[in-house]
Amino acid sequence: MCMAISEDKIMAVMDFLVNKMGYSSTLVAKQSSILRQSLEKRIVPRALFARELLSQGLVTDFKLSVLFHTSEKVFVDRFVNKAPNLLKLYKEKLNASEKKSNVILAVFFSSIDEPLSSAFCLLYCLFECPWFEMQYCNEL
């Protein structure tokens, strides 16, 4: 299966999940079907959304299969009750990623090493996202 996926895509997904999100490379390799998912449309929005739920203590853990292999409807239904205010953020992140060029996304990906609030500020500056709130920049 991995042979049908470009080396660049494998490296980008692994870099994001292992280096940026802290997942074990062994765990990602065991769930290699994740590599078929869209980095911009599924992996990044869901991973950042999950990190926000974890940071707020709304969930204690996310299995990779739950995070990336559930349908959009099931994912939204399962987690909207955890943080309804984050649903809008998730949907806006999906819309933004569908509309923006790879160059802007590459800049966004490089910013994820910084605190999440910095990433939100960068998103606002680059995308002028309507879901941005000034509280994120105040935390910098």
N, C-alpha and C. Protein backbone atom coordinates (compact mmCIF):
# COMPACT_ATOMS: atom_id res chain seq x y z
N MET A 1 0.82 -1.19 0.00
CA MET A 1 0.00 0.00 0.00
C MET A 1 0.86 1.26 0.00
N CYS A 2 1.92 1.29 0.78
CA CYS A 2 2.76 2.47 0.87
C CYS A 2 3.44 2.80 -0.44
N MET A 3 3.61 1.81 -1.30
CA MET A 3 4.28 2.05 -2.57
C MET A 3 3.45 2.96 -3.47
N ALA A 4 2.17 3.05 -3.26
CA ALA A 4 1.31 3.91 -4.06
C ALA A 4 1.30 5.34 -3.54
N ILE A 5 1.98 5.58 -2.44
CA ILE A 5 2.02 6.90 -1.83
C ILE A 5 3.43 7.45 -2.02
N SER A 6 3.52 8.72 -2.41
CA SER A 6 4.83 9.30 -2.67
C SER A 6 5.66 9.39 -1.39
N GLU A 7 6.96 9.36 -1.59
CA GLU A 7 7.87 9.48 -0.45
C GLU A 7 7.68 10.82 0.26
N ASP A 8 7.44 11.88 -0.53
CA ASP A 8 7.21 13.20 0.06
C ASP A 8 5.99 13.21 0.96
N LYS A 9 4.92 12.55 0.52
CA LYS A 9 3.70 12.49 1.33
C LYS A 9 3.95 11.71 2.61
N ILE A 10 4.63 10.58 2.50
CA ILE A 10 4.94 9.77 3.69
C ILE A 10 5.76 10.60 4.67
N MET A 11 6.77 11.29 4.16
CA MET A 11 7.64 12.10 5.03
C MET A 11 6.86 13.24 5.68
N ALA A 12 5.97 13.88 4.92
CA ALA A 12 5.19 15.00 5.47
C ALA A 12 4.25 14.53 6.57
N VAL A 13 3.55 13.42 6.34
CA VAL A 13 2.62 12.89 7.34
C VAL A 13 3.37 12.43 8.57
N MET A 14 4.46 11.70 8.37
CA MET A 14 5.25 11.23 9.51
C MET A 14 5.84 12.40 10.29
N ASP A 15 6.34 13.39 9.59
CA ASP A 15 6.91 14.56 10.27
C ASP A 15 5.85 15.24 11.13
N PHE A 16 4.67 15.43 10.57
CA PHE A 16 3.62 16.10 11.32
C PHE A 16 3.19 15.27 12.53
N LEU A 17 2.87 14.00 12.31
CA LEU A 17 2.36 13.17 13.41
C LEU A 17 3.41 12.85 14.47
N VAL A 18 4.63 12.59 14.05
CA VAL A 18 5.68 12.20 15.00
C VAL A 18 6.34 13.43 15.62
N ASN A 19 6.84 14.33 14.79
CA ASN A 19 7.60 15.47 15.30
C ASN A 19 6.75 16.60 15.84
N LYS A 20 5.62 16.85 15.21
CA LYS A 20 4.79 17.98 15.64
C LYS A 20 3.74 17.57 16.68
N MET A 21 3.16 16.37 16.51
CA MET A 21 2.07 15.96 17.40
C MET A 21 2.52 14.97 18.48
N GLY A 22 3.71 14.39 18.35
CA GLY A 22 4.24 13.54 19.40
C GLY A 22 3.83 12.08 19.37
N TYR A 23 3.25 11.61 18.27
CA TYR A 23 2.91 10.20 18.17
C TYR A 23 4.16 9.37 17.90
N SER A 24 4.16 8.14 18.31
CA SER A 24 5.26 7.22 18.06
C SER A 24 5.28 6.83 16.58
N SER A 25 6.48 6.79 16.00
CA SER A 25 6.59 6.40 14.59
C SER A 25 6.14 4.95 14.40
N THR A 26 6.38 4.12 15.40
CA THR A 26 5.94 2.72 15.34
C THR A 26 4.42 2.64 15.28
N LEU A 27 3.76 3.44 16.09
CA LEU A 27 2.30 3.46 16.10
C LEU A 27 1.74 3.91 14.75
N VAL A 28 2.33 4.96 14.19
CA VAL A 28 1.88 5.45 12.88
C VAL A 28 2.13 4.38 11.82
N ALA A 29 3.28 3.73 11.87
CA ALA A 29 3.61 2.69 10.88
C ALA A 29 2.63 1.52 10.97
N LYS A 30 2.19 1.19 12.17
CA LYS A 30 1.23 0.09 12.34
C LYS A 30 -0.13 0.46 11.75
N GLN A 31 -0.42 1.73 11.68
CA GLN A 31 -1.69 2.21 11.11
C GLN A 31 -1.39 2.94 9.80
N SER A 32 -0.66 2.28 8.92
CA SER A 32 -0.17 2.92 7.71
C SER A 32 -1.27 3.44 6.78
N SER A 33 -2.49 3.00 6.97
CA SER A 33 -3.57 3.52 6.13
C SER A 33 -3.80 5.01 6.37
N ILE A 34 -3.28 5.52 7.46
CA ILE A 34 -3.36 6.96 7.73
C ILE A 34 -2.65 7.73 6.63
N LEU A 35 -1.63 7.14 6.06
CA LEU A 35 -0.85 7.82 5.02
C LEU A 35 -1.69 8.14 3.79
N ARG A 36 -2.79 7.45 3.61
CA ARG A 36 -3.68 7.72 2.47
C ARG A 36 -4.57 8.92 2.72
N GLN A 37 -4.69 9.35 3.95
CA GLN A 37 -5.55 10.48 4.30
C GLN A 37 -4.92 11.79 3.82
N SER A 38 -5.76 12.77 3.57
CA SER A 38 -5.27 14.08 3.17
C SER A 38 -4.66 14.79 4.38
N LEU A 39 -3.44 15.24 4.23
CA LEU A 39 -2.77 15.96 5.31
C LEU A 39 -3.50 17.26 5.62
N GLU A 40 -3.86 18.00 4.57
CA GLU A 40 -4.50 19.30 4.75
C GLU A 40 -5.97 19.20 5.16
N LYS A 41 -6.69 18.24 4.62
CA LYS A 41 -8.14 18.18 4.85
C LYS A 41 -8.55 17.31 6.02
N ARG A 42 -7.73 16.36 6.43
CA ARG A 42 -8.14 15.47 7.51
C ARG A 42 -7.13 15.43 8.65
N ILE A 43 -5.88 15.14 8.36
CA ILE A 43 -4.91 14.89 9.42
C ILE A 43 -4.66 16.14 10.26
N VAL A 44 -4.29 17.25 9.63
CA VAL A 44 -3.97 18.46 10.40
C VAL A 44 -5.19 18.99 11.16
N PRO A 45 -6.34 19.19 10.51
CA PRO A 45 -7.48 19.72 11.28
C PRO A 45 -7.89 18.83 12.45
N ARG A 46 -7.94 17.52 12.23
CA ARG A 46 -8.37 16.63 13.30
C ARG A 46 -7.33 16.54 14.41
N ALA A 47 -6.06 16.51 14.04
CA ALA A 47 -5.01 16.41 15.06
C ALA A 47 -4.98 17.66 15.93
N LEU A 48 -5.08 18.83 15.32
CA LEU A 48 -5.08 20.07 16.10
C LEU A 48 -6.34 20.18 16.95
N PHE A 49 -7.46 19.74 16.42
CA PHE A 49 -8.71 19.73 17.17
C PHE A 49 -8.58 18.80 18.38
N ALA A 50 -8.02 17.62 18.15
CA ALA A 50 -7.83 16.65 19.24
C ALA A 50 -6.89 17.21 20.30
N ARG A 51 -5.84 17.88 19.86
CA ARG A 51 -4.90 18.46 20.82
C ARG A 51 -5.59 19.51 21.68
N GLU A 52 -6.48 20.27 21.09
CA GLU A 52 -7.22 21.28 21.86
C GLU A 52 -8.14 20.60 22.87
N LEU A 53 -8.84 19.55 22.47
CA LEU A 53 -9.69 18.80 23.41
C LEU A 53 -8.86 18.23 24.56
N LEU A 54 -7.71 17.68 24.24
CA LEU A 54 -6.82 17.12 25.26
C LEU A 54 -6.33 18.21 26.21
N SER A 55 -5.95 19.36 25.66
CA SER A 55 -5.41 20.43 26.51
C SER A 55 -6.47 21.00 27.44
N GLN A 56 -7.73 20.93 27.03
CA GLN A 56 -8.82 21.42 27.88
C GLN A 56 -9.32 20.33 28.83
N GLY A 57 -8.74 19.14 28.74
CA GLY A 57 -9.15 18.05 29.62
C GLY A 57 -10.50 17.46 29.27
N LEU A 58 -10.98 17.70 28.05
CA LEU A 58 -12.29 17.20 27.64
C LEU A 58 -12.22 15.73 27.22
N VAL A 59 -11.05 15.27 26.85
CA VAL A 59 -10.80 13.85 26.57
C VAL A 59 -9.43 13.52 27.16
N THR A 60 -9.18 12.25 27.40
CA THR A 60 -7.90 11.86 27.98
C THR A 60 -6.95 11.24 26.97
N ASP A 61 -7.48 10.74 25.86
CA ASP A 61 -6.64 10.08 24.87
C ASP A 61 -7.40 9.97 23.56
N PHE A 62 -6.66 9.93 22.47
CA PHE A 62 -7.23 9.69 21.15
C PHE A 62 -6.48 8.56 20.50
N LYS A 63 -7.18 7.54 20.08
CA LYS A 63 -6.55 6.48 19.29
C LYS A 63 -6.46 6.99 17.86
N LEU A 64 -5.38 6.65 17.19
CA LEU A 64 -5.21 7.10 15.81
C LEU A 64 -6.36 6.65 14.93
N SER A 65 -6.86 5.45 15.14
CA SER A 65 -7.95 4.95 14.31
C SER A 65 -9.21 5.80 14.49
N VAL A 66 -9.49 6.19 15.71
CA VAL A 66 -10.66 7.04 15.97
C VAL A 66 -10.46 8.41 15.35
N LEU A 67 -9.26 8.92 15.49
CA LEU A 67 -8.97 10.26 15.02
C LEU A 67 -9.01 10.38 13.50
N PHE A 68 -8.47 9.41 12.79
CA PHE A 68 -8.32 9.56 11.35
C PHE A 68 -9.15 8.63 10.48
N HIS A 69 -9.70 7.56 11.04
CA HIS A 69 -10.42 6.60 10.20
C HIS A 69 -11.94 6.69 10.32
N THR A 70 -12.45 7.49 11.21
CA THR A 70 -13.90 7.62 11.31
C THR A 70 -14.39 8.60 10.25
N SER A 71 -15.61 8.41 9.82
CA SER A 71 -16.18 9.32 8.82
C SER A 71 -16.32 10.71 9.43
N GLU A 72 -16.47 11.68 8.56
CA GLU A 72 -16.65 13.06 9.02
C GLU A 72 -17.86 13.18 9.94
N LYS A 73 -18.97 12.58 9.55
CA LYS A 73 -20.19 12.66 10.35
C LYS A 73 -19.99 12.04 11.74
N VAL A 74 -19.41 10.86 11.78
CA VAL A 74 -19.18 10.18 13.07
C VAL A 74 -18.21 11.00 13.93
N PHE A 75 -17.15 11.52 13.32
CA PHE A 75 -16.18 12.31 14.07
C PHE A 75 -16.83 13.54 14.69
N VAL A 76 -17.58 14.27 13.89
CA VAL A 76 -18.25 15.48 14.40
C VAL A 76 -19.29 15.11 15.45
N ASP A 77 -20.11 14.08 15.19
CA ASP A 77 -21.13 13.66 16.16
C ASP A 77 -20.50 13.23 17.48
N ARG A 78 -19.40 12.53 17.41
CA ARG A 78 -18.77 12.00 18.62
C ARG A 78 -18.15 13.09 19.49
N PHE A 79 -17.62 14.14 18.86
CA PHE A 79 -16.87 15.13 19.64
C PHE A 79 -17.54 16.48 19.78
N VAL A 80 -18.64 16.71 19.09
CA VAL A 80 -19.32 18.00 19.22
C VAL A 80 -19.85 18.20 20.64
N ASN A 81 -20.27 17.14 21.29
CA ASN A 81 -20.77 17.25 22.66
C ASN A 81 -19.66 17.52 23.66
N LYS A 82 -18.43 17.20 23.30
CA LYS A 82 -17.29 17.47 24.18
C LYS A 82 -16.97 18.96 24.23
N ALA A 83 -17.06 19.61 23.09
CA ALA A 83 -16.70 21.03 23.02
C ALA A 83 -17.42 21.69 21.86
N PRO A 84 -18.69 22.03 22.04
CA PRO A 84 -19.45 22.62 20.94
C PRO A 84 -18.80 23.89 20.39
N ASN A 85 -18.13 24.64 21.25
CA ASN A 85 -17.48 25.86 20.78
C ASN A 85 -16.31 25.57 19.84
N LEU A 86 -15.75 24.36 19.91
CA LEU A 86 -14.64 24.01 19.03
C LEU A 86 -15.11 23.47 17.68
N LEU A 87 -16.38 23.14 17.56
CA LEU A 87 -16.88 22.63 16.28
C LEU A 87 -16.71 23.68 15.19
N LYS A 88 -17.04 24.92 15.51
CA LYS A 88 -16.89 25.99 14.53
C LYS A 88 -15.42 26.12 14.13
N LEU A 89 -14.53 26.05 15.10
CA LEU A 89 -13.10 26.12 14.82
C LEU A 89 -12.69 25.00 13.88
N TYR A 90 -13.15 23.80 14.14
CA TYR A 90 -12.82 22.64 13.30
C TYR A 90 -13.33 22.84 11.87
N LYS A 91 -14.57 23.25 11.74
CA LYS A 91 -15.14 23.45 10.40
C LYS A 91 -14.42 24.56 9.65
N GLU A 92 -14.09 25.64 10.34
CA GLU A 92 -13.36 26.72 9.69
C GLU A 92 -11.98 26.25 9.26
N LYS A 93 -11.33 25.45 10.08
CA LYS A 93 -10.01 24.93 9.74
C LYS A 93 -10.10 24.05 8.49
N LEU A 94 -11.16 23.25 8.39
CA LEU A 94 -11.37 22.44 7.19
C LEU A 94 -11.56 23.33 5.97
N ASN A 95 -12.41 24.34 6.09
CA ASN A 95 -12.66 25.24 4.96
C ASN A 95 -11.41 25.99 4.56
N ALA A 96 -10.66 26.47 5.54
CA ALA A 96 -9.44 27.21 5.24
C ALA A 96 -8.44 26.33 4.52
N SER A 97 -8.31 25.09 4.96
CA SER A 97 -7.32 24.22 4.34
C SER A 97 -7.70 23.84 2.92
N GLU A 98 -8.98 23.82 2.62
CA GLU A 98 -9.41 23.49 1.27
C GLU A 98 -9.16 24.64 0.31
N LYS A 99 -9.12 25.87 0.81
CA LYS A 99 -9.06 27.04 -0.04
C LYS A 99 -7.65 27.60 -0.22
N LYS A 100 -6.73 27.23 0.62
CA LYS A 100 -5.42 27.87 0.62
C LYS A 100 -4.39 27.06 -0.16
N SER A 101 -3.37 27.77 -0.62
CA SER A 101 -2.33 27.11 -1.41
C SER A 101 -1.37 26.32 -0.54
N ASN A 102 -0.62 25.44 -1.16
CA ASN A 102 0.35 24.64 -0.43
C ASN A 102 1.45 25.50 0.19
N VAL A 103 1.75 26.63 -0.42
CA VAL A 103 2.79 27.51 0.13
C VAL A 103 2.36 28.04 1.49
N ILE A 104 1.12 28.51 1.59
CA ILE A 104 0.62 29.02 2.86
C ILE A 104 0.55 27.90 3.89
N LEU A 105 0.11 26.72 3.48
CA LEU A 105 0.05 25.59 4.41
C LEU A 105 1.44 25.19 4.89
N ALA A 106 2.44 25.28 4.03
CA ALA A 106 3.80 24.95 4.46
C ALA A 106 4.26 25.92 5.54
N VAL A 107 3.92 27.20 5.40
CA VAL A 107 4.26 28.18 6.44
C VAL A 107 3.53 27.82 7.73
N PHE A 108 2.26 27.44 7.62
CA PHE A 108 1.49 27.05 8.81
C PHE A 108 2.11 25.83 9.48
N PHE A 109 2.46 24.82 8.69
CA PHE A 109 3.04 23.60 9.27
C PHE A 109 4.32 23.92 10.02
N SER A 110 5.13 24.81 9.48
CA SER A 110 6.39 25.14 10.14
C SER A 110 6.17 25.87 11.45
N SER A 111 5.00 26.46 11.65
CA SER A 111 4.74 27.22 12.87
C SER A 111 4.22 26.34 14.01
N ILE A 112 3.87 25.10 13.74
CA ILE A 112 3.21 24.27 14.75
C ILE A 112 4.13 23.93 15.91
N ASP A 113 5.45 24.09 15.74
CA ASP A 113 6.36 23.86 16.87
C ASP A 113 6.11 24.86 17.99
N GLU A 114 5.59 26.02 17.62
CA GLU A 114 5.32 27.05 18.61
C GLU A 114 4.04 26.71 19.36
N PRO A 115 3.74 27.45 20.41
CA PRO A 115 2.48 27.19 21.13
C PRO A 115 1.29 27.28 20.18
N LEU A 116 0.23 26.57 20.51
CA LEU A 116 -0.95 26.55 19.66
C LEU A 116 -1.48 27.96 19.43
N SER A 117 -1.38 28.82 20.43
CA SER A 117 -1.88 30.18 20.27
C SER A 117 -1.11 30.90 19.17
N SER A 118 0.18 30.65 19.04
CA SER A 118 0.96 31.26 17.98
C SER A 118 0.49 30.78 16.62
N ALA A 119 0.15 29.50 16.54
CA ALA A 119 -0.36 28.96 15.27
C ALA A 119 -1.67 29.63 14.90
N PHE A 120 -2.54 29.87 15.89
CA PHE A 120 -3.80 30.54 15.60
C PHE A 120 -3.55 31.97 15.13
N CYS A 121 -2.60 32.66 15.74
CA CYS A 121 -2.27 34.02 15.30
C CYS A 121 -1.76 34.01 13.87
N LEU A 122 -0.90 33.06 13.57
CA LEU A 122 -0.38 32.95 12.21
C LEU A 122 -1.51 32.67 11.23
N LEU A 123 -2.42 31.78 11.60
CA LEU A 123 -3.57 31.51 10.73
C LEU A 123 -4.37 32.78 10.47
N TYR A 124 -4.59 33.55 11.50
CA TYR A 124 -5.37 34.77 11.32
C TYR A 124 -4.65 35.73 10.38
N CYS A 125 -3.37 35.90 10.62
CA CYS A 125 -2.60 36.83 9.80
C CYS A 125 -2.59 36.41 8.33
N LEU A 126 -2.46 35.11 8.09
CA LEU A 126 -2.38 34.62 6.72
C LEU A 126 -3.74 34.45 6.06
N PHE A 127 -4.69 33.96 6.81
CA PHE A 127 -5.97 33.59 6.21
C PHE A 127 -7.10 34.56 6.54
N GLU A 128 -6.91 35.41 7.54
CA GLU A 128 -7.97 36.26 8.06
C GLU A 128 -9.20 35.43 8.39
N CYS A 129 -8.97 34.39 9.18
CA CYS A 129 -10.03 33.47 9.54
C CYS A 129 -11.08 34.15 10.42
N PRO A 130 -12.35 33.96 10.13
CA PRO A 130 -13.41 34.60 10.93
C PRO A 130 -13.54 34.02 12.32
N TRP A 131 -12.99 32.83 12.59
CA TRP A 131 -13.14 32.23 13.91
C TRP A 131 -12.07 32.68 14.89
N PHE A 132 -11.10 33.46 14.41
CA PHE A 132 -10.01 33.90 15.27
C PHE A 132 -10.53 34.82 16.37
N GLU A 133 -10.00 34.66 17.57
CA GLU A 133 -10.34 35.55 18.67
C GLU A 133 -9.06 36.16 19.19
N MET A 134 -9.10 37.41 19.58
CA MET A 134 -7.90 38.11 20.03
C MET A 134 -7.26 37.44 21.24
N GLN A 135 -7.99 36.65 21.99
CA GLN A 135 -7.42 36.01 23.18
C GLN A 135 -6.21 35.17 22.84
N TYR A 136 -6.15 34.63 21.62
CA TYR A 136 -5.01 33.80 21.26
C TYR A 136 -3.73 34.62 21.20
N CYS A 137 -3.79 35.83 20.65
CA CYS A 137 -2.59 36.66 20.57
C CYS A 137 -2.22 37.22 21.94
N ASN A 138 -3.18 37.41 22.80
CA ASN A 138 -2.89 37.93 24.13
C ASN A 138 -2.07 36.94 24.94
N GLU A 139 -2.11 35.66 24.58
CA GLU A 139 -1.37 34.64 25.30
C GLU A 139 0.09 34.57 24.89
N LEU A 140 0.46 35.25 23.80
CA LEU A 140 1.84 35.19 23.30
C LEU A 140 2.80 35.93 24.21
